[in-house]
Amino acid sequence: MRHPARTGLALTLTLAFAATGCATATGGRPTGGPGPAGTAGAVSVVSCGREVAPAAPPRRAVTLDQTSTEILLALGLQDRMAGTANLKTKIPAVYEAAYADVPVIAPKIATGEQLRAAAPDLVVAGSADLYTKDRAGTREELAALKVPTFVSAVDCPRLDPADRNPFELLFSDYENLGGLFGGDAAQRARHLAAEQRAAVLRVREGTPARRDADRPTVVFLYSVFNGMPYVAGGTGLPSEMSRIVGAKNAFDDIGEDWPEVSWEEVARRDPDLIVVGDLSERGRPGDSAAEKRAELTAHPVVSRLDAVRDNHILQVPGIELDPSVRSVHTLGLLADGMKDLGRAH
């Protein structure tokens, strides 16, 4: 997603994946809400409107989704994880050995019983909808059991400072989680956030200024379920990716992360570029990039779009369209793809 960072981005992603081995870090303190406060044994942060205040640095953290799992692995915290859940795709090779030592409490979405059996002292999730009565339990229920819960700041932007974009909220997650665990994890978190901030800045600075009317439009196709497309709305990370590379998300006006729309509406918005998220390993119907491409080329209206006829279709890892340590990689793919298609200069 940033052409000047084509080399730099590869380096940044390597650094993100290698963060568990970082020996040095930049300065600063965790952000996102008030940020960590207190001593090494009594740190607290505000996460999506709730205080997270473990009595001591967590020793038995449980992650409820893959993005949270990979963040903790990037911070070198595998030995302080009591469980993971909800794997959508393969863990990156650099994390495989560390991930193999962490118990999988549920292959898909964890239930309250599975979570409690792991005896966690911190629960981490990328989205608030994993904390429901029929899933892991509500945050209130877990608080009553003295189990603190963390939710990515990206999932509750209305509770965070208005000047924080989704990438900055993601980086604040790294710093806040690092602050909760303390020690080397805090250093790694600051280092990872600094490296990825620099990558985003390189892309932003390398993108030519455009009037709104001149911005190419992009549709991000995440999945197809029962024949209906799910695309990126205006509240998720892809909209920010679009802005950074000088484009516009064609469904920016919908206040959801991944709304269901119709193929006819995709055709009506006539995007210049279609980004297809590949979720082949998740295994649901309509998840693979090949299935999505087949839908695009078979539909009697969408197949006539210039973006489809001219193959202005960019394939990216689907999991990287959700906020994670991998998202800067797909930002780079988007920036490079636009340049390769002649949509950026």
Foldseek 3Di string as FASTA:
>chain_A
DFVVCPVVLVVLLVCLLQLLVDPFFDDDAFDWAPGWDDDQAWTWHAALNRIFTQNGQAQAEEEFDDQVVSLCVSLNNLRSYLEYEAYLADDPPSSVVSVVSHHHLYPRFAACVSVVVSVTQEYEYAEQVCAPNGTNHHQVVVVVVNRHYHYQCLHRVVVTDPPQDSLNSLLSVQRRSLSSNDDSSNRSSRRSSVSLVVLLVSRQVNFDDDDLVLAFEEWEFQFADPNWTWTAEQSFDVQVLSVSNRHGHLRNVDPDGTDTDHPVVVLVSLGQAYEYAASVRSPDPGRGSVSVLVSQCPDPRSVPRPCNVVVRYHYDHSVLRHRHSCVSVVSNSVNVSCVVVVNTD
